[in-house]
Amino acid sequence: MPDRFEQSTFKLKGFWHPFFTLGGAIIFGLLILWGFISGYLADPTSGWQPALALIILVVTGFLYYYFRKWQLSKKGIAIEDQLKHVREI
């Protein structure tokens, strides 16, 4: 993928890369908070459950990534190297 980045005409450099990364994380957090609040206001007993389900889904994805990274490292395979060489579809 680094070769594709070098060939692209549009690149995020300097300030913009962390700006969009942090901005996306902040927006995601605000949407989760909004889901909790609006769900709770609609139904205080169970309205917050969909937002909690989304958080559980995201955390499960993170846990699976690190588990797979650990599993492959035991075989001597670096997951970062595997992600750099994505096959063409």
C-alpha atoms as a PDB file:
ATOM      1  CA  MET A   1       0.000   0.000   0.000  1.00  0.00           C
ATOM      2  CA  PRO A   2       2.856   2.505   0.451  1.00  0.00           C
ATOM      3  CA  ASP A   3       3.409   2.439  -3.310  1.00  0.00           C
ATOM      4  CA  ARG A   4      -0.244   3.361  -3.850  1.00  0.00           C
ATOM      5  CA  PHE A   5       0.128   6.256  -1.439  1.00  0.00           C
ATOM      6  CA  GLU A   6       3.152   7.508  -3.364  1.00  0.00           C
ATOM      7  CA  GLN A   7       1.267   7.281  -6.678  1.00  0.00           C
ATOM      8  CA  SER A   8      -1.876   9.039  -5.465  1.00  0.00           C
ATOM      9  CA  THR A   9      -2.524  12.635  -6.428  1.00  0.00           C
ATOM     10  CA  PHE A  10      -4.172  13.517  -3.092  1.00  0.00           C
ATOM     11  CA  LYS A  11      -2.251  12.943   0.145  1.00  0.00           C
ATOM     12  CA  LEU A  12      -3.009  13.855   3.738  1.00  0.00           C
ATOM     13  CA  LYS A  13       0.179  15.215   5.215  1.00  0.00           C
ATOM     14  CA  GLY A  14       1.213  17.112   8.297  1.00  0.00           C
ATOM     15  CA  PHE A  15      -1.656  18.575  10.282  1.00  0.00           C
ATOM     16  CA  TRP A  16      -4.454  17.020   8.244  1.00  0.00           C
ATOM     17  CA  HIS A  17      -3.805  13.342   8.950  1.00  0.00           C
ATOM     18  CA  PRO A  18      -4.195  13.596  12.770  1.00  0.00           C
ATOM     19  CA  PHE A  19      -6.942  16.200  12.300  1.00  0.00           C
ATOM     20  CA  PHE A  20      -9.158  13.771  10.375  1.00  0.00           C
ATOM     21  CA  THR A  21      -8.221  10.827  12.602  1.00  0.00           C
ATOM     22  CA  LEU A  22      -9.071  12.651  15.822  1.00  0.00           C
ATOM     23  CA  GLY A  23     -12.078  14.296  14.213  1.00  0.00           C
ATOM     24  CA  GLY A  24     -13.481  10.913  13.215  1.00  0.00           C
ATOM     25  CA  ALA A  25     -12.911   9.544  16.713  1.00  0.00           C
ATOM     26  CA  ILE A  26     -14.622  12.570  18.283  1.00  0.00           C
ATOM     27  CA  ILE A  27     -17.598  12.327  15.929  1.00  0.00           C
ATOM     28  CA  PHE A  28     -17.898   8.590  16.623  1.00  0.00           C
ATOM     29  CA  GLY A  29     -17.838   9.260  20.373  1.00  0.00           C
ATOM     30  CA  LEU A  30     -20.472  11.982  20.067  1.00  0.00           C
ATOM     31  CA  LEU A  31     -22.732   9.698  18.039  1.00  0.00           C
ATOM     32  CA  ILE A  32     -22.420   6.982  20.670  1.00  0.00           C
ATOM     33  CA  LEU A  33     -23.188   9.515  23.397  1.00  0.00           C
ATOM     34  CA  TRP A  34     -26.164  10.769  21.391  1.00  0.00           C
ATOM     35  CA  GLY A  35     -27.400   7.180  21.027  1.00  0.00           C
ATOM     36  CA  PHE A  36     -27.178   6.647  24.777  1.00  0.00           C
ATOM     37  CA  ILE A  37     -28.932   9.903  25.624  1.00  0.00           C
ATOM     38  CA  SER A  38     -31.700   9.695  23.013  1.00  0.00           C
ATOM     39  CA  GLY A  39     -32.327   6.029  23.766  1.00  0.00           C
ATOM     40  CA  TYR A  40     -32.436   6.681  27.496  1.00  0.00           C
ATOM     41  CA  LEU A  41     -34.830   9.602  27.056  1.00  0.00           C
ATOM     42  CA  ALA A  42     -37.111   7.523  24.834  1.00  0.00           C
ATOM     43  CA  ASP A  43     -37.156   4.538  27.203  1.00  0.00           C
ATOM     44  CA  PRO A  44     -35.145   4.801  30.436  1.00  0.00           C
ATOM     45  CA  THR A  45     -35.275   1.049  31.072  1.00  0.00           C
ATOM     46  CA  SER A  46     -33.895  -0.311  27.780  1.00  0.00           C
ATOM     47  CA  GLY A  47     -33.454   2.525  25.289  1.00  0.00           C
ATOM     48  CA  TRP A  48     -29.676   2.668  25.762  1.00  0.00           C
ATOM     49  CA  GLN A  49     -29.157  -0.963  24.679  1.00  0.00           C
ATOM     50  CA  PRO A  50     -28.576  -0.345  20.920  1.00  0.00           C
ATOM     51  CA  ALA A  51     -25.739   2.086  21.656  1.00  0.00           C
ATOM     52  CA  LEU A  52     -24.255  -0.406  24.102  1.00  0.00           C
ATOM     53  CA  ALA A  53     -24.495  -3.127  21.448  1.00  0.00           C
ATOM     54  CA  LEU A  54     -22.514  -0.946  19.033  1.00  0.00           C
ATOM     55  CA  ILE A  55     -19.814  -0.319  21.633  1.00  0.00           C
ATOM     56  CA  ILE A  56     -19.601  -4.061  22.306  1.00  0.00           C
ATOM     57  CA  LEU A  57     -19.277  -4.688  18.566  1.00  0.00           C
ATOM     58  CA  VAL A  58     -16.419  -2.181  18.209  1.00  0.00           C
ATOM     59  CA  VAL A  59     -14.604  -3.518  21.284  1.00  0.00           C
ATOM     60  CA  THR A  60     -15.006  -7.072  19.962  1.00  0.00           C
ATOM     61  CA  GLY A  61     -13.397  -5.979  16.693  1.00  0.00           C
ATOM     62  CA  PHE A  62     -10.423  -4.491  18.545  1.00  0.00           C
ATOM     63  CA  LEU A  63     -10.048  -7.608  20.673  1.00  0.00           C
ATOM     64  CA  TYR A  64     -10.206  -9.869  17.615  1.00  0.00           C
ATOM     65  CA  TYR A  65      -7.522  -7.810  15.844  1.00  0.00           C
ATOM     66  CA  TYR A  66      -5.105  -8.023  18.771  1.00  0.00           C
ATOM     67  CA  PHE A  67      -5.880 -11.707  19.331  1.00  0.00           C
ATOM     68  CA  ARG A  68      -5.188 -12.446  15.660  1.00  0.00           C
ATOM     69  CA  LYS A  69      -2.019 -10.344  15.799  1.00  0.00           C
ATOM     70  CA  TRP A  70      -0.825 -12.360  18.806  1.00  0.00           C
ATOM     71  CA  GLN A  71      -1.812 -15.640  17.146  1.00  0.00           C
ATOM     72  CA  LEU A  72       0.092 -14.840  13.943  1.00  0.00           C
ATOM     73  CA  SER A  73       3.127 -13.550  15.858  1.00  0.00           C
ATOM     74  CA  LYS A  74       3.465 -16.984  17.469  1.00  0.00           C
ATOM     75  CA  LYS A  75       3.869 -18.369  13.925  1.00  0.00           C
ATOM     76  CA  GLY A  76       6.403 -15.661  13.043  1.00  0.00           C
ATOM     77  CA  ILE A  77       4.020 -13.666  10.833  1.00  0.00           C
ATOM     78  CA  ALA A  78       3.654  -9.910  11.318  1.00  0.00           C
ATOM     79  CA  ILE A  79       0.085  -8.778  10.657  1.00  0.00           C
ATOM     80  CA  GLU A  80       1.345  -5.329   9.617  1.00  0.00           C
ATOM     81  CA  ASP A  81       3.276  -6.948   6.747  1.00  0.00           C
ATOM     82  CA  GLN A  82       0.180  -8.860   5.696  1.00  0.00           C
ATOM     83  CA  LEU A  83      -1.900  -5.676   5.665  1.00  0.00           C
ATOM     84  CA  LYS A  84       0.665  -3.874   3.463  1.00  0.00           C
ATOM     85  CA  HIS A  85       0.286  -6.422   0.700  1.00  0.00           C
ATOM     86  CA  VAL A  86      -3.409  -6.416  -0.098  1.00  0.00           C
ATOM     87  CA  ARG A  87      -4.331  -8.463  -3.138  1.00  0.00           C
ATOM     88  CA  GLU A  88      -5.869  -6.814  -6.166  1.00  0.00           C
ATOM     89  CA  ILE A  89      -9.511  -7.702  -6.711  1.00  0.00           C
END
